[in-house]
Amino acid sequence: MGLFSFLTQEIAMDLGTANTIIINNDKIVVDEPSIVALDRNSGKMIAIGEQARQMHGKTHENIRVIRPLRDGVIADFNAAELMMRGMIKMINKGPKLFSPSLRMVVCIPSGSTEVEVRAVRDSSEHAGGRDVYLIFEPMAAAIGIGLDVEAPEGCMVVDIGGGTTEIAVIALGGIVCNKSIRVAGDGFTSDIQAYMRHQHNVKIGEKTAEDIKIAVGAALPDIETPPADFVVRGPNLMTALPIEIPISYQEIAYCLDKSLTKVEAAILQVLEQTPPELYADIVTKGVYLTGGGALLRGLDKRLTDKINIPFIVSEDPLHAVARGTGVALKNVDKFPFLMR
């Protein structure tokens, strides 16, 4: 590699439904929401990432704000490609004599069908990737937390992302049993929107619901350090007059209960399929929670009480998958579980 190393750029990409994170030289160089704003007439990209998120729900008819990924899967091929290109350009700022060829490791949901895997691979290649490797998200999350995935003992990871919740038991460098369900951060956000509509007769947008989730999101109605109430302003659905409502974390815990019960059921299903030897390892070591959903207050306690296995929120859960993808990038030749 030596002499020509400047001709090849290596990047690891966590292409998420909610956020896309790119790692280059062991550093997180891009961490932006997975959103693009396009001009309706010419199809040109106007904004990307945080800038596009601020436009979300505030555009006029000539601007289209798109989230190219839905439920962990590429829903809009063209927008996904533009977004990946734009984010890769963010790393290479400044004038370029030539663009280096890219070696990429991209992570995908563990329940992806062949068509969905191909969509990610094609988008990566169109965005300039010459060598594209794919890794399953729970595997990347386990590596990112620092677990030894190649050891002959079981470890279990629950990655609650934006579009999917990935649950997997990993041993000997492979996924033993897994489940990918489409109940995750986006689902929680729409639960909050629906709750505000039914319970308080107020209409709120996706961005506000997301803010509520971050400010007062909780998985249990009684937690030790409760956050302050979050004041929501919006139009009353009946009168269209503005109203202000303080929202407490208890209300959010109540409104997310149904979705969290689905996550619990999926975790139990995976545990049912787990071979007894690995099950014993998991009970001893605990289950690791990663992804943005792991930041819900009291989620680890709720799951621990329900399932009787210790649940541990990994440190910096938002970036665990990206870090693991970065490690995989450095060990492309050593890790047999990477897919070409």
Protein backbone atom coordinates (compact mmCIF):
# COMPACT_ATOMS: atom_id res chain seq x y z
CA MET A 1 0.00 0.00 0.00
CA GLY A 2 2.80 2.43 1.14
CA LEU A 3 3.55 4.47 -1.97
CA PHE A 4 0.00 4.69 -3.27
CA SER A 5 -1.73 5.10 0.07
CA PHE A 6 -2.67 8.69 -0.79
CA LEU A 7 -4.54 7.41 -3.85
CA THR A 8 -6.90 5.36 -1.70
CA GLN A 9 -9.06 6.78 1.01
CA GLU A 10 -10.54 4.45 3.60
CA ILE A 11 -13.82 5.33 5.24
CA ALA A 12 -16.24 3.50 7.51
CA MET A 13 -19.86 4.52 7.21
CA ASP A 14 -22.75 3.90 9.57
CA LEU A 15 -25.60 4.60 7.18
CA GLY A 16 -28.45 5.03 9.63
CA THR A 17 -32.12 5.87 9.22
CA ALA A 18 -31.73 8.84 11.58
CA ASN A 19 -28.02 9.74 11.43
CA THR A 20 -25.11 8.94 9.16
CA ILE A 21 -21.68 8.79 10.73
CA ILE A 22 -18.43 8.54 8.80
CA ILE A 23 -15.10 7.56 10.32
CA ASN A 24 -11.81 8.31 8.62
CA ASN A 25 -8.39 7.66 10.23
CA ASP A 26 -10.07 6.56 13.52
CA LYS A 27 -11.83 9.90 13.86
CA ILE A 28 -15.52 10.68 13.45
CA VAL A 29 -15.38 13.21 10.62
CA VAL A 30 -19.09 13.41 9.75
CA ASP A 31 -22.01 12.99 12.14
CA GLU A 32 -25.13 14.37 10.50
CA PRO A 33 -28.84 13.55 10.28
CA SER A 34 -29.67 11.36 7.25
CA ILE A 35 -31.71 14.00 5.45
CA VAL A 36 -31.34 15.77 2.11
CA ALA A 37 -33.14 18.76 0.65
CA LEU A 38 -33.58 18.68 -3.14
CA ASP A 39 -34.81 21.19 -5.68
CA ARG A 40 -38.07 19.80 -7.06
CA ASN A 41 -37.46 21.03 -10.60
CA SER A 42 -33.82 20.25 -11.25
CA GLY A 43 -33.32 17.47 -8.66
CA LYS A 44 -30.14 19.24 -7.45
CA MET A 45 -29.13 18.98 -3.83
CA ILE A 46 -29.73 22.17 -1.82
CA ALA A 47 -28.74 21.07 1.67
CA ILE A 48 -27.72 17.97 3.55
CA GLY A 49 -27.55 16.79 7.14
CA GLU A 50 -28.26 19.30 9.91
CA GLN A 51 -29.02 22.12 7.45
CA ALA A 52 -31.64 19.94 5.73
CA ARG A 53 -33.07 18.88 9.10
CA GLN A 54 -33.71 22.50 9.99
CA MET A 55 -35.70 22.85 6.77
CA HIS A 56 -37.80 19.78 7.58
CA GLY A 57 -41.47 20.71 7.69
CA LYS A 58 -40.75 24.34 6.79
CA THR A 59 -40.28 24.21 3.02
CA HIS A 60 -42.17 25.78 0.11
CA GLU A 61 -43.29 23.83 -2.94
CA ASN A 62 -39.96 23.97 -4.79
CA ILE A 63 -37.97 22.24 -2.07
CA ARG A 64 -38.36 18.58 -1.17
CA VAL A 65 -36.86 17.40 2.11
CA ILE A 66 -36.28 13.64 1.99
CA ARG A 67 -35.09 11.03 4.41
CA PRO A 68 -33.60 8.51 1.96
CA LEU A 69 -33.70 5.64 4.46
CA ARG A 70 -36.83 4.20 6.03
CA ASP A 71 -36.77 1.34 8.54
CA GLY A 72 -33.03 0.91 8.06
CA VAL A 73 -33.47 0.37 4.33
CA ILE A 74 -32.84 2.64 1.35
CA ALA A 75 -36.26 3.91 0.28
CA ASP A 76 -35.15 6.58 -2.18
CA PHE A 77 -32.22 5.38 -4.25
CA ASN A 78 -31.34 8.66 -5.91
CA ALA A 79 -31.53 10.72 -2.70
CA ALA A 80 -29.44 8.14 -0.81
CA GLU A 81 -26.72 8.34 -3.43
CA LEU A 82 -26.70 12.16 -3.38
CA MET A 83 -26.57 12.13 0.40
CA MET A 84 -23.65 9.67 0.52
CA ARG A 85 -21.75 11.69 -2.08
CA GLY A 86 -22.39 14.93 -0.21
CA MET A 87 -21.24 13.47 3.09
CA ILE A 88 -18.10 11.96 1.58
CA LYS A 89 -17.37 15.41 0.09
CA MET A 90 -17.57 16.88 3.59
CA ILE A 91 -14.38 14.98 4.50
CA ASN A 92 -12.43 16.12 1.45
CA LYS A 93 -12.81 19.84 1.85
CA GLY A 94 -10.47 22.11 -0.07
CA PRO A 95 -9.39 21.97 -3.71
CA LYS A 96 -8.68 18.51 -5.09
CA LEU A 97 -6.45 17.65 -8.02
CA PHE A 98 -8.09 14.22 -8.21
CA SER A 99 -10.49 12.30 -6.02
CA PRO A 100 -8.92 9.28 -4.29
CA SER A 101 -10.56 5.91 -4.82
CA LEU A 102 -12.58 4.85 -1.83
CA ARG A 103 -12.43 1.72 0.24
CA MET A 104 -15.59 1.57 2.31
CA VAL A 105 -17.10 -0.53 5.05
CA VAL A 106 -20.84 0.15 5.38
CA CYS A 107 -23.14 -1.40 7.95
CA ILE A 108 -26.58 -2.80 7.20
CA PRO A 109 -29.47 -4.16 9.33
CA SER A 110 -29.14 -7.85 10.12
CA GLY A 111 -32.59 -8.60 8.70
CA SER A 112 -31.80 -7.13 5.26
CA THR A 113 -33.03 -9.04 2.22
CA GLU A 114 -30.73 -9.59 -0.76
CA VAL A 115 -32.41 -6.74 -2.62
CA GLU A 116 -31.85 -4.34 0.29
CA VAL A 117 -28.20 -5.40 0.60
CA ARG A 118 -27.71 -4.82 -3.12
CA ALA A 119 -29.30 -1.36 -2.83
CA VAL A 120 -26.75 -0.33 -0.20
CA ARG A 121 -23.89 -1.80 -2.20
CA ASP A 122 -24.98 -0.08 -5.44
CA SER A 123 -25.45 3.27 -3.72
CA SER A 124 -22.00 2.98 -2.15
CA GLU A 125 -20.41 2.16 -5.50
CA HIS A 126 -22.23 5.01 -7.26
CA ALA A 127 -21.07 7.37 -4.52
CA GLY A 128 -17.48 6.49 -5.43
CA GLY A 129 -16.69 3.33 -3.45
CA ARG A 130 -14.28 1.03 -5.28
CA ASP A 131 -13.91 -1.68 -2.60
CA VAL A 132 -17.16 -1.93 -0.68
CA TYR A 133 -17.47 -4.24 2.32
CA LEU A 134 -20.66 -4.72 4.30
CA ILE A 135 -21.04 -5.59 7.97
CA PHE A 136 -24.18 -6.35 9.96
CA GLU A 137 -25.11 -3.67 12.48
CA PRO A 138 -25.22 -5.79 15.66
CA MET A 139 -21.79 -7.19 14.78
CA ALA A 140 -20.42 -3.66 14.32
CA ALA A 141 -22.08 -2.59 17.59
CA ALA A 142 -20.49 -5.48 19.51
CA ILE A 143 -17.04 -4.63 18.10
CA GLY A 144 -17.62 -0.95 18.87
CA ILE A 145 -18.45 -1.67 22.52
CA GLY A 146 -15.18 -3.59 22.74
CA LEU A 147 -16.54 -7.14 23.02
CA ASP A 148 -14.38 -9.96 21.71
CA VAL A 149 -16.67 -11.24 18.94
CA GLU A 150 -14.33 -14.05 17.92
CA ALA A 151 -14.19 -15.65 21.37
CA PRO A 152 -16.00 -18.96 21.94
CA GLU A 153 -18.49 -17.35 24.31
CA GLY A 154 -21.80 -15.65 23.69
CA CYS A 155 -22.49 -11.96 23.86
CA MET A 156 -25.81 -10.30 23.16
CA VAL A 157 -26.38 -6.85 21.72
CA VAL A 158 -29.61 -4.87 21.37
CA ASP A 159 -29.13 -1.95 18.98
CA ILE A 160 -32.12 0.42 19.02
CA GLY A 161 -31.53 2.70 16.05
CA GLY A 162 -33.78 5.08 14.14
CA GLY A 163 -35.53 2.62 11.84
CA THR A 164 -34.85 -0.83 13.24
CA THR A 165 -34.07 -2.52 16.53
CA GLU A 166 -31.43 -5.19 15.97
CA ILE A 167 -31.11 -7.98 18.48
CA ALA A 168 -28.32 -10.53 18.02
CA VAL A 169 -26.39 -13.19 19.88
CA ILE A 170 -22.80 -13.32 18.66
CA ALA A 171 -20.12 -15.98 19.16
CA LEU A 172 -17.03 -17.16 17.26
CA GLY A 173 -17.13 -14.20 14.87
CA GLY A 174 -20.66 -14.88 13.65
CA ILE A 175 -24.28 -14.13 14.44
CA VAL A 176 -25.84 -17.21 16.08
CA CYS A 177 -29.42 -15.97 16.22
CA ASN A 178 -30.90 -12.57 15.54
CA LYS A 179 -34.05 -10.62 14.98
CA SER A 180 -34.56 -7.25 13.34
CA ILE A 181 -37.81 -5.46 14.10
CA ARG A 182 -39.07 -2.19 12.70
CA VAL A 183 -39.89 -0.67 16.05
CA ALA A 184 -37.25 1.91 16.95
CA GLY A 185 -36.57 5.65 17.29
CA ASP A 186 -38.84 6.69 14.40
CA GLY A 187 -41.63 4.55 15.84
CA PHE A 188 -41.22 6.24 19.23
CA THR A 189 -41.40 9.63 17.52
CA SER A 190 -44.65 8.82 15.73
CA ASP A 191 -46.07 7.37 18.98
CA ILE A 192 -45.42 10.75 20.60
CA GLN A 193 -47.07 12.59 17.68
CA ALA A 194 -50.15 10.36 17.90
CA TYR A 195 -50.32 10.71 21.69
CA MET A 196 -50.20 14.53 21.51
CA ARG A 197 -52.96 14.45 18.90
CA HIS A 198 -55.31 12.15 20.83
CA GLN A 199 -54.56 13.18 24.38
CA HIS A 200 -53.98 16.93 24.09
CA ASN A 201 -55.59 17.78 20.76
CA VAL A 202 -52.41 19.43 19.55
CA LYS A 203 -50.71 18.83 16.25
CA ILE A 204 -46.89 18.62 16.31
CA GLY A 205 -44.32 17.91 13.62
CA GLU A 206 -41.69 15.20 13.51
CA LYS A 207 -38.93 17.54 14.65
CA THR A 208 -40.86 18.66 17.77
CA ALA A 209 -41.74 15.05 18.62
CA GLU A 210 -38.03 14.21 18.33
CA ASP A 211 -37.22 17.11 20.69
CA ILE A 212 -39.78 15.84 23.22
CA LYS A 213 -38.27 12.35 23.03
CA ILE A 214 -34.77 13.69 23.71
CA ALA A 215 -35.88 16.06 26.49
CA VAL A 216 -38.31 13.87 28.46
CA GLY A 217 -38.18 10.41 26.83
CA ALA A 218 -38.43 7.66 29.44
CA ALA A 219 -39.21 3.96 29.59
CA LEU A 220 -40.46 3.87 33.19
CA PRO A 221 -43.04 6.09 34.93
CA ASP A 222 -40.80 6.50 37.98
CA ILE A 223 -37.10 7.18 37.57
CA GLU A 224 -34.54 8.46 40.05
CA THR A 225 -33.54 11.75 38.41
CA PRO A 226 -36.63 12.99 36.57
CA PRO A 227 -36.10 15.59 33.81
CA ALA A 228 -38.01 18.89 33.89
CA ASP A 229 -41.27 19.07 31.94
CA PHE A 230 -41.02 20.04 28.28
CA VAL A 231 -43.35 22.80 27.08
CA VAL A 232 -44.98 22.11 23.73
CA ARG A 233 -46.54 24.85 21.63
CA GLY A 234 -48.80 24.12 18.72
CA PRO A 235 -52.23 24.62 17.17
CA ASN A 236 -55.29 23.16 18.87
CA LEU A 237 -56.84 20.72 16.40
CA MET A 238 -60.40 21.91 17.14
CA THR A 239 -59.95 25.68 17.18
CA ALA A 240 -56.57 26.18 15.45
CA LEU A 241 -55.71 28.59 18.28
CA PRO A 242 -52.24 28.26 19.83
CA ILE A 243 -51.90 26.27 23.05
CA GLU A 244 -49.04 25.49 25.42
CA ILE A 245 -48.83 22.15 27.20
CA PRO A 246 -46.17 20.98 29.67
CA ILE A 247 -45.30 17.33 28.97
CA SER A 248 -43.87 15.17 31.75
CA TYR A 249 -41.67 12.11 31.36
CA GLN A 250 -44.46 9.95 32.91
CA GLU A 251 -46.71 10.72 29.95
CA ILE A 252 -44.00 9.75 27.48
CA ALA A 253 -43.28 6.53 29.39
CA TYR A 254 -46.98 5.72 29.12
CA CYS A 255 -47.16 6.54 25.41
CA LEU A 256 -44.04 4.50 24.50
CA ASP A 257 -45.16 1.49 26.53
CA LYS A 258 -46.70 -0.40 23.60
CA SER A 259 -43.62 -0.07 21.38
CA LEU A 260 -41.25 -1.02 24.20
CA THR A 261 -43.35 -4.12 24.91
CA LYS A 262 -42.73 -5.19 21.28
CA VAL A 263 -38.97 -4.73 21.81
CA GLU A 264 -39.18 -6.86 24.98
CA ALA A 265 -41.06 -9.60 23.11
CA ALA A 266 -38.42 -9.63 20.34
CA ILE A 267 -35.59 -9.89 22.90
CA LEU A 268 -37.36 -12.87 24.53
CA GLN A 269 -37.78 -14.54 21.12
CA VAL A 270 -34.04 -14.29 20.46
CA LEU A 271 -33.27 -15.65 23.93
CA GLU A 272 -35.60 -18.59 23.22
CA GLN A 273 -33.55 -19.51 20.12
CA THR A 274 -30.21 -19.13 21.92
CA PRO A 275 -28.28 -22.39 22.53
CA PRO A 276 -28.13 -23.12 26.29
CA GLU A 277 -24.31 -22.78 26.56
CA LEU A 278 -24.43 -19.28 25.07
CA TYR A 279 -27.49 -18.43 27.16
CA ALA A 280 -25.47 -19.10 30.30
CA ASP A 281 -22.72 -16.72 29.06
CA ILE A 282 -25.28 -14.00 28.39
CA VAL A 283 -26.86 -14.29 31.85
CA THR A 284 -23.40 -13.89 33.41
CA LYS A 285 -22.18 -11.05 31.17
CA GLY A 286 -25.45 -9.19 30.62
CA VAL A 287 -26.95 -7.73 27.47
CA TYR A 288 -25.52 -4.57 25.94
CA LEU A 289 -27.79 -1.76 24.74
CA THR A 290 -26.56 0.52 21.94
CA GLY A 291 -28.09 2.99 19.49
CA GLY A 292 -29.98 6.20 20.21
CA GLY A 293 -32.88 4.28 21.78
CA ALA A 294 -30.54 3.10 24.56
CA LEU A 295 -30.58 6.72 25.82
CA LEU A 296 -34.25 6.45 26.87
CA ARG A 297 -34.24 7.06 30.61
CA GLY A 298 -34.81 3.90 32.64
CA LEU A 299 -34.80 1.52 29.66
CA ASP A 300 -32.01 -0.66 31.07
CA LYS A 301 -33.87 -0.95 34.39
CA ARG A 302 -37.17 -1.77 32.70
CA LEU A 303 -35.60 -4.56 30.63
CA THR A 304 -33.56 -5.91 33.56
CA ASP A 305 -36.71 -6.15 35.72
CA LYS A 306 -38.72 -7.76 32.95
CA ILE A 307 -36.20 -10.30 31.67
CA ASN A 308 -34.08 -10.95 34.80
CA ILE A 309 -30.80 -10.57 32.91
CA PRO A 310 -28.68 -7.46 33.56
CA PHE A 311 -28.97 -4.90 30.73
CA ILE A 312 -26.06 -2.50 30.37
CA VAL A 313 -26.14 0.75 28.38
CA SER A 314 -22.82 0.88 26.54
CA GLU A 315 -20.80 4.07 26.74
CA ASP A 316 -21.52 6.54 23.92
CA PRO A 317 -24.27 4.29 22.49
CA LEU A 318 -24.90 6.62 19.53
CA HIS A 319 -21.46 5.96 18.06
CA ALA A 320 -20.92 2.29 18.98
CA VAL A 321 -21.91 0.97 15.54
CA ALA A 322 -19.77 3.55 13.75
CA ARG A 323 -16.74 2.79 15.95
CA GLY A 324 -17.14 -0.93 15.31
CA THR A 325 -17.36 -0.27 11.58
CA GLY A 326 -14.13 1.74 11.91
CA VAL A 327 -12.40 -1.21 13.61
CA ALA A 328 -13.68 -3.54 10.88
CA LEU A 329 -12.21 -1.20 8.26
CA LYS A 330 -8.74 -1.62 9.78
CA ASN A 331 -9.12 -5.41 9.91
CA VAL A 332 -10.70 -5.98 6.52
CA ASP A 333 -8.36 -8.90 5.80
CA LYS A 334 -8.68 -10.47 9.26
CA PHE A 335 -12.45 -10.42 9.82
CA PRO A 336 -14.10 -13.29 7.92
CA PHE A 337 -17.62 -11.97 8.55
CA LEU A 338 -17.30 -8.93 6.27
CA MET A 339 -19.26 -9.31 3.04
CA ARG A 340 -17.77 -8.29 -0.27
